Amino acid sequence: HFGARLSRPWTARSCPRSLSKQPSRHSPISDVMASFSAMVPMVAGAAAANLLFGMFQLMTGAPTSRAAWSWQCTMYTGTSSAAAVYMDPGADNGLTCSDGTTLTCSCSADPCVGMNAALPSDLVCAGAGPDASNDGCFSLHHAYGTPPTALTLVAGRGSGTLADACGAAGILKVYGHAGGLDLLMSWGAIEAGRNDSSMVPASATECQHLCDSDSACKFFTFNDQGTSDGNYGYFRGLCFLQEELACEGDAFSHYHGIISGPASCSSGPTPAPTPAPTPVPTPAASPAPTPAPTPAPTPAPTPVPTPAASPAPTPAP
C-alpha cells in the first residue's frame, strides 16, 4: 500500500500540510542536497561514493515524493506502544512532562524534509522505556544494540544524553518497502541478500513475529517513526532481524521512534519454578489406650444362718 501512496505525483493534496503551505520557490531537491552535504563528512571512501550515487538516483530518477519524505515525532501515551501519537514538526501540544513543561516536536529545517529529523523535546517524556502494553517486553524509543547504519541514515535519533549499547548486533535480514530498501542498498547501508520486501510490518508486533519465525533471530528493531500513509512510508516500518549481542553491558540504545525487543515475549529469563508446598506431616495415630482389666466381681458374703428360735418352755401344771 505504500507504493500506491508514493507513486502518485507529489501534490499539495498528497503531501503533509506543513509542506503544502510552503512557497513554491522552495525545492525539495535543494533541501535534500543541503541536508546530505552534512552527512558526507561522516562517511568515508567507497561508502561515501555509494551514498552519493544513491542520493543522485534519489533526486533524478525517483518521483519527487521520494525526495521529500516528511518526518514526525513519535510519542507513546502512558508508555504504551498501543497508544502511539505522531506529532507534526512545530507542534507544541504534546504530553505534560514531569518538570511541568509540554512536549514539543521540532525540526532543524522548514519544511522538515530530507535528512532533517523531526525530534521530540524529551525522549523520556515521549514515553521512552518498557512498553506498558506488554508488561515491558518491548523497549520504546530504544534500538537493540548500537543503531544499525541504515536506521541512522533515515531516522532521527534524538537529543540530549543518549545511552548506547555495548556493541552492534549482527543483522540477519531487513524487511521493508521495496523502494526504501533499494535506496538503502544503493547507499551501501544494507548488505546484498539481507533485504526482503515481501512484507512491510505495520507494527512492532508484526516485526517480532517475523523474528520469531527465524530460528537465528533473537531480537528485533522496528522503525515506528511517522504515520504509515505519509511520504516517509518508504522507511517507516523497517524491521531489522538481529542476532544476540556478544558483549556484556547495556543491550539497548536510545533512539527516537524505535521499538525493539526479543523474538518472543516468553523468551526472557525463565523464572525459577515455584517450589511445591511442603506437605504438613500427618501425625502418627495415637494408640488406643489399653483398657483397665475388669475386676472380678466380689462374691456376695454368705449370710450367717439365723439360729432357729428355741420354743418357749411349757409352764408346769
Protein backbone atom coordinates (compact mmCIF):
# COMPACT_ATOMS: atom_id res chain seq x y z
CA HIS A 1 0.00 0.00 0.00
CA PHE A 2 2.97 2.30 0.41
CA GLY A 3 3.82 2.02 -3.26
CA ALA A 4 0.34 3.14 -4.28
CA ARG A 5 0.61 6.09 -1.98
CA LEU A 6 4.06 7.21 -3.06
CA SER A 7 3.85 6.59 -6.79
CA ARG A 8 1.31 9.38 -7.28
CA PRO A 9 2.58 12.84 -8.23
CA TRP A 10 3.53 14.95 -5.27
CA THR A 11 0.74 17.50 -4.91
CA ALA A 12 -0.48 19.73 -2.16
CA ARG A 13 -3.26 17.21 -1.59
CA SER A 14 -0.93 14.23 -1.20
CA CYS A 15 1.84 15.85 0.84
CA PRO A 16 1.77 16.74 4.53
CA ARG A 17 0.06 20.00 5.46
CA SER A 18 3.31 21.60 6.54
CA LEU A 19 4.71 21.09 3.03
CA SER A 20 1.62 22.22 1.12
CA LYS A 21 1.80 25.69 2.67
CA GLN A 22 5.42 26.37 1.68
CA PRO A 23 6.29 28.89 -1.07
CA SER A 24 6.80 27.36 -4.49
CA ARG A 25 10.38 28.62 -4.64
CA HIS A 26 11.39 26.04 -2.03
CA SER A 27 12.81 22.99 -3.81
CA PRO A 28 12.69 19.59 -2.09
CA ILE A 29 15.77 18.61 -4.07
CA SER A 30 17.77 21.50 -2.65
CA ASP A 31 16.59 20.55 0.84
CA VAL A 32 17.86 17.02 0.34
CA MET A 33 21.20 18.23 -1.02
CA ALA A 34 21.67 20.66 1.84
CA SER A 35 20.99 18.01 4.45
CA PHE A 36 23.02 15.41 2.58
CA SER A 37 26.11 17.66 2.47
CA ALA A 38 26.23 17.44 6.25
CA MET A 39 26.28 13.64 6.07
CA VAL A 40 29.25 13.24 3.70
CA PRO A 41 31.98 14.04 6.27
CA MET A 42 30.58 11.22 8.42
CA VAL A 43 31.14 8.60 5.75
CA ALA A 44 34.45 7.80 4.08
CA GLY A 45 35.77 6.14 0.95
CA ALA A 46 33.63 3.77 -1.05
CA ALA A 47 30.76 4.13 1.39
CA ALA A 48 30.62 7.86 0.66
CA ALA A 49 30.69 7.18 -3.07
CA ASN A 50 27.83 4.69 -2.75
CA LEU A 51 25.84 7.14 -0.65
CA LEU A 52 26.41 9.97 -3.13
CA PHE A 53 25.42 7.79 -6.08
CA GLY A 54 22.31 6.65 -4.26
CA MET A 55 21.33 10.20 -3.43
CA PHE A 56 21.83 11.18 -7.07
CA GLN A 57 19.49 8.38 -8.09
CA LEU A 58 17.01 9.50 -5.48
CA MET A 59 16.95 13.04 -6.85
CA THR A 60 16.99 12.33 -10.58
CA GLY A 61 15.31 9.00 -11.13
CA ALA A 62 12.61 8.85 -8.48
CA PRO A 63 9.29 10.62 -8.05
CA THR A 64 9.51 13.92 -6.18
CA SER A 65 7.64 12.39 -3.27
CA ARG A 66 10.59 10.08 -2.65
CA ALA A 67 12.97 13.00 -2.49
CA ALA A 68 10.98 14.74 0.21
CA TRP A 69 9.93 12.27 2.86
CA SER A 70 8.32 14.06 5.75
CA TRP A 71 9.07 13.15 9.34
CA GLN A 72 7.02 13.34 12.52
CA CYS A 73 7.70 12.97 16.23
CA THR A 74 6.51 9.80 17.90
CA MET A 75 5.22 9.80 21.46
CA TYR A 76 3.75 6.93 23.44
CA THR A 77 0.97 7.97 25.78
CA GLY A 78 1.19 6.09 29.05
CA THR A 79 4.45 4.50 27.85
CA SER A 80 2.40 2.17 25.65
CA SER A 81 3.03 1.25 22.03
CA ALA A 82 -0.73 0.75 21.72
CA ALA A 83 -1.23 4.49 22.30
CA ALA A 84 1.27 5.98 19.83
CA VAL A 85 0.67 9.58 18.73
CA TYR A 86 2.52 11.22 15.82
CA MET A 87 3.20 14.95 16.13
CA ASP A 88 3.89 17.23 13.18
CA PRO A 89 7.01 19.43 13.27
CA GLY A 90 6.22 22.63 15.13
CA ALA A 91 3.54 21.01 17.31
CA ASP A 92 3.61 22.18 20.92
CA ASN A 93 0.64 20.30 22.34
CA GLY A 94 2.30 17.10 23.48
CA LEU A 95 2.26 15.38 26.84
CA THR A 96 2.95 17.25 30.07
CA CYS A 97 6.43 16.26 31.26
CA SER A 98 7.50 15.60 34.84
CA ASP A 99 9.15 19.03 35.07
CA GLY A 100 5.91 20.76 34.12
CA THR A 101 6.92 21.55 30.53
CA THR A 102 4.97 20.46 27.48
CA LEU A 103 6.42 18.01 24.97
CA THR A 104 7.10 19.65 21.60
CA CYS A 105 8.20 18.46 18.17
CA SER A 106 10.84 20.43 16.30
CA CYS A 107 12.92 20.14 13.14
CA SER A 108 16.13 21.81 12.03
CA ALA A 109 14.62 22.72 8.65
CA ASP A 110 11.37 24.20 7.40
CA PRO A 111 9.84 22.31 5.69
CA CYS A 112 11.11 19.25 7.54
CA VAL A 113 12.27 17.10 4.63
CA GLY A 114 15.26 15.05 3.50
CA MET A 115 17.69 14.12 6.25
CA ASN A 116 16.44 16.78 8.65
CA ALA A 117 14.98 14.93 11.59
CA ALA A 118 11.84 15.85 13.47
CA LEU A 119 12.60 15.23 17.14
CA PRO A 120 10.64 15.40 20.41
CA SER A 121 11.94 17.75 23.06
CA ASP A 122 12.29 14.97 25.67
CA LEU A 123 12.52 11.23 24.91
CA VAL A 124 11.56 10.19 28.43
CA CYS A 125 8.52 12.43 28.35
CA ALA A 126 7.71 10.97 24.92
CA GLY A 127 7.44 7.53 26.52
CA ALA A 128 10.94 6.03 26.43
CA GLY A 129 11.17 2.86 28.50
CA PRO A 130 9.48 -0.52 28.98
CA ASP A 131 6.28 -0.94 26.99
CA ALA A 132 3.32 -0.95 29.36
CA SER A 133 1.11 -2.70 26.79
CA ASN A 134 3.06 -5.97 27.06
CA ASP A 135 4.48 -5.92 30.59
CA GLY A 136 7.76 -4.37 29.46
CA CYS A 137 8.62 -6.95 26.78
CA PHE A 138 9.28 -4.19 24.20
CA SER A 139 11.55 -1.20 24.75
CA LEU A 140 10.14 2.09 23.43
CA HIS A 141 12.45 4.70 21.89
CA HIS A 142 15.24 2.09 22.01
CA ALA A 143 17.15 0.10 19.39
CA TYR A 144 18.70 -3.28 20.17
CA GLY A 145 22.48 -2.92 20.10
CA THR A 146 24.08 0.17 18.63
CA PRO A 147 21.78 1.70 15.97
CA PRO A 148 22.07 -0.02 12.55
CA THR A 149 23.65 2.19 9.87
CA ALA A 150 20.54 2.00 7.67
CA LEU A 151 18.48 3.38 10.53
CA THR A 152 20.81 6.30 11.21
CA LEU A 153 20.51 7.43 7.56
CA VAL A 154 16.73 7.72 7.55
CA ALA A 155 15.62 8.22 11.17
CA GLY A 156 16.46 10.97 13.63
CA ARG A 157 17.83 9.70 16.92
CA GLY A 158 17.06 12.38 19.49
CA SER A 159 18.84 15.00 21.54
CA GLY A 160 20.34 15.27 24.99
CA THR A 161 22.18 12.49 26.80
CA LEU A 162 21.61 9.28 24.87
CA ALA A 163 22.79 5.88 26.12
CA ASP A 164 24.50 3.42 23.76
CA ALA A 165 24.55 -0.35 23.87
CA CYS A 166 27.77 -2.26 24.47
CA GLY A 167 28.10 -3.20 20.78
CA ALA A 168 26.38 -3.90 17.46
CA ALA A 169 24.11 -6.86 16.89
CA GLY A 170 24.50 -8.86 13.68
CA ILE A 171 21.83 -8.10 11.06
CA LEU A 172 20.20 -11.19 9.61
CA LYS A 173 17.55 -9.54 7.43
CA VAL A 174 15.82 -6.20 6.90
CA TYR A 175 12.14 -6.13 5.94
CA GLY A 176 10.57 -3.03 4.48
CA HIS A 177 9.20 -1.20 1.47
CA ALA A 178 10.92 -2.18 -1.78
CA GLY A 179 11.64 1.44 -2.74
CA GLY A 180 13.19 2.26 0.61
CA LEU A 181 15.26 -0.93 0.69
CA ASP A 182 16.53 -0.26 -2.85
CA LEU A 183 17.73 3.19 -1.81
CA LEU A 184 19.44 1.84 1.32
CA MET A 185 21.08 -0.88 -0.79
CA SER A 186 22.34 1.71 -3.28
CA TRP A 187 23.80 3.70 -0.38
CA GLY A 188 25.65 0.63 0.86
CA ALA A 189 23.70 0.69 4.13
CA ILE A 190 22.27 -2.85 3.74
CA GLU A 191 24.30 -5.84 2.61
CA ALA A 192 23.16 -7.62 -0.54
CA GLY A 193 20.88 -10.52 0.18
CA ARG A 194 19.71 -9.22 3.54
CA ASN A 195 16.85 -7.10 2.14
CA ASP A 196 13.34 -8.54 1.97
CA SER A 197 10.38 -6.56 0.61
CA SER A 198 7.94 -9.46 0.80
CA MET A 199 6.34 -7.81 3.81
CA VAL A 200 6.25 -4.34 5.34
CA PRO A 201 5.40 -4.78 9.04
CA ALA A 202 2.75 -2.36 10.20
CA SER A 203 3.70 -2.69 13.87
CA ALA A 204 6.42 -3.82 16.20
CA THR A 205 4.34 -6.91 16.96
CA GLU A 206 4.38 -7.92 13.28
CA CYS A 207 8.15 -7.34 13.20
CA GLN A 208 8.51 -9.54 16.27
CA HIS A 209 6.56 -12.32 14.56
CA LEU A 210 8.99 -12.21 11.62
CA CYS A 211 11.87 -12.51 14.07
CA ASP A 212 10.22 -15.37 15.92
CA SER A 213 9.78 -17.29 12.64
CA ASP A 214 13.56 -17.22 12.06
CA SER A 215 15.43 -19.56 14.40
CA ALA A 216 18.59 -17.43 14.19
CA CYS A 217 16.81 -14.21 15.16
CA LYS A 218 16.96 -13.36 18.84
CA PHE A 219 15.94 -9.67 18.83
CA PHE A 220 14.33 -7.15 16.51
CA THR A 221 14.41 -3.39 15.94
CA PHE A 222 11.42 -1.64 14.33
CA ASN A 223 11.15 1.88 12.89
CA ASP A 224 7.94 3.42 14.25
CA GLN A 225 8.68 7.00 13.18
CA GLY A 226 5.89 8.73 11.27
CA THR A 227 2.48 7.56 10.12
CA SER A 228 2.29 4.78 7.56
CA ASP A 229 0.37 6.82 4.96
CA GLY A 230 2.83 9.69 4.63
CA ASN A 231 5.75 10.20 2.25
CA TYR A 232 8.02 8.72 4.91
CA GLY A 233 6.32 5.39 4.23
CA TYR A 234 9.37 4.30 2.24
CA PHE A 235 11.26 3.94 5.52
CA ARG A 236 8.54 3.67 8.14
CA GLY A 237 8.20 0.01 9.14
CA LEU A 238 11.83 -1.02 8.56
CA CYS A 239 12.22 -4.23 10.55
CA PHE A 240 15.69 -5.48 11.47
CA LEU A 241 16.10 -9.12 12.49
CA GLN A 242 19.13 -9.36 14.75
CA GLU A 243 21.43 -11.85 16.39
CA GLU A 244 22.11 -11.71 20.10
CA LEU A 245 24.84 -9.37 21.28
CA ALA A 246 28.20 -10.94 22.06
CA CYS A 247 29.21 -8.20 24.50
CA GLU A 248 28.28 -7.69 28.11
CA GLY A 249 26.72 -4.45 29.23
CA ASP A 250 23.80 -2.34 28.06
CA ALA A 251 21.85 -4.12 25.33
CA PHE A 252 19.77 -1.16 24.11
CA SER A 253 20.48 2.32 22.74
CA HIS A 254 18.21 5.35 22.98
CA TYR A 255 16.61 6.10 19.62
CA HIS A 256 13.53 8.20 18.91
CA GLY A 257 10.57 6.33 17.45
CA ILE A 258 12.24 2.93 17.53
CA ILE A 259 10.82 -0.15 19.23
CA SER A 260 12.88 -3.25 19.98
CA GLY A 261 12.51 -6.47 21.86
CA PRO A 262 13.14 -10.24 21.94
CA ALA A 263 11.90 -12.73 19.36
CA SER A 264 9.22 -13.79 21.79
CA CYS A 265 7.91 -12.18 24.93
CA SER A 266 8.29 -15.55 26.62
CA SER A 267 11.96 -15.83 25.64
CA GLY A 268 13.25 -13.79 28.54
CA PRO A 269 14.86 -15.28 31.65
CA THR A 270 12.95 -18.34 32.77
CA PRO A 271 11.58 -17.67 36.22
CA ALA A 272 12.59 -20.08 38.92
CA PRO A 273 9.88 -22.67 39.36
CA THR A 274 7.67 -22.18 42.34
CA PRO A 275 8.52 -24.96 44.77
CA ALA A 276 5.72 -27.31 45.64
CA PRO A 277 4.46 -26.63 49.12
CA THR A 278 5.93 -28.93 51.76
CA PRO A 279 3.13 -31.20 52.90
CA VAL A 280 2.32 -30.99 56.58
CA PRO A 281 3.25 -34.37 58.05
CA THR A 282 0.29 -36.38 59.22
CA PRO A 283 0.82 -37.14 62.91
CA ALA A 284 1.01 -40.83 63.79
CA ALA A 285 -2.20 -42.07 65.23
CA SER A 286 -2.06 -42.35 68.99
CA PRO A 287 -2.54 -45.98 70.05
CA ALA A 288 -5.82 -46.63 71.67
CA PRO A 289 -5.37 -46.80 75.44
CA THR A 290 -5.33 -50.32 76.90
CA PRO A 291 -8.49 -50.64 78.88
CA ALA A 292 -8.03 -51.44 82.52
CA PRO A 293 -8.91 -55.08 83.26
CA THR A 294 -12.38 -55.52 84.52
CA PRO A 295 -12.09 -56.71 88.19
CA ALA A 296 -13.71 -59.95 89.06
CA PRO A 297 -16.96 -59.29 90.87
CA THR A 298 -16.68 -59.57 94.60
CA PRO A 299 -18.85 -62.51 95.69
CA ALA A 300 -21.64 -61.61 98.00
CA PRO A 301 -20.86 -62.71 101.56
CA THR A 302 -22.56 -65.90 102.69
CA PRO A 303 -25.14 -64.85 105.22
CA VAL A 304 -24.72 -66.31 108.68
CA PRO A 305 -27.73 -68.60 109.27
CA THR A 306 -30.08 -67.26 111.84
CA PRO A 307 -30.46 -69.92 114.56
CA ALA A 308 -33.97 -71.22 114.97
CA ALA A 309 -35.68 -69.73 117.94
CA SER A 310 -35.88 -72.07 120.95
CA PRO A 311 -39.53 -72.90 121.79
CA ALA A 312 -40.80 -71.26 124.92
CA PRO A 313 -40.87 -73.71 127.82
CA THR A 314 -44.24 -75.18 128.66
CA PRO A 315 -45.26 -73.95 132.08
CA ALA A 316 -45.76 -76.59 134.84
CA PRO A 317 -49.33 -77.55 135.54
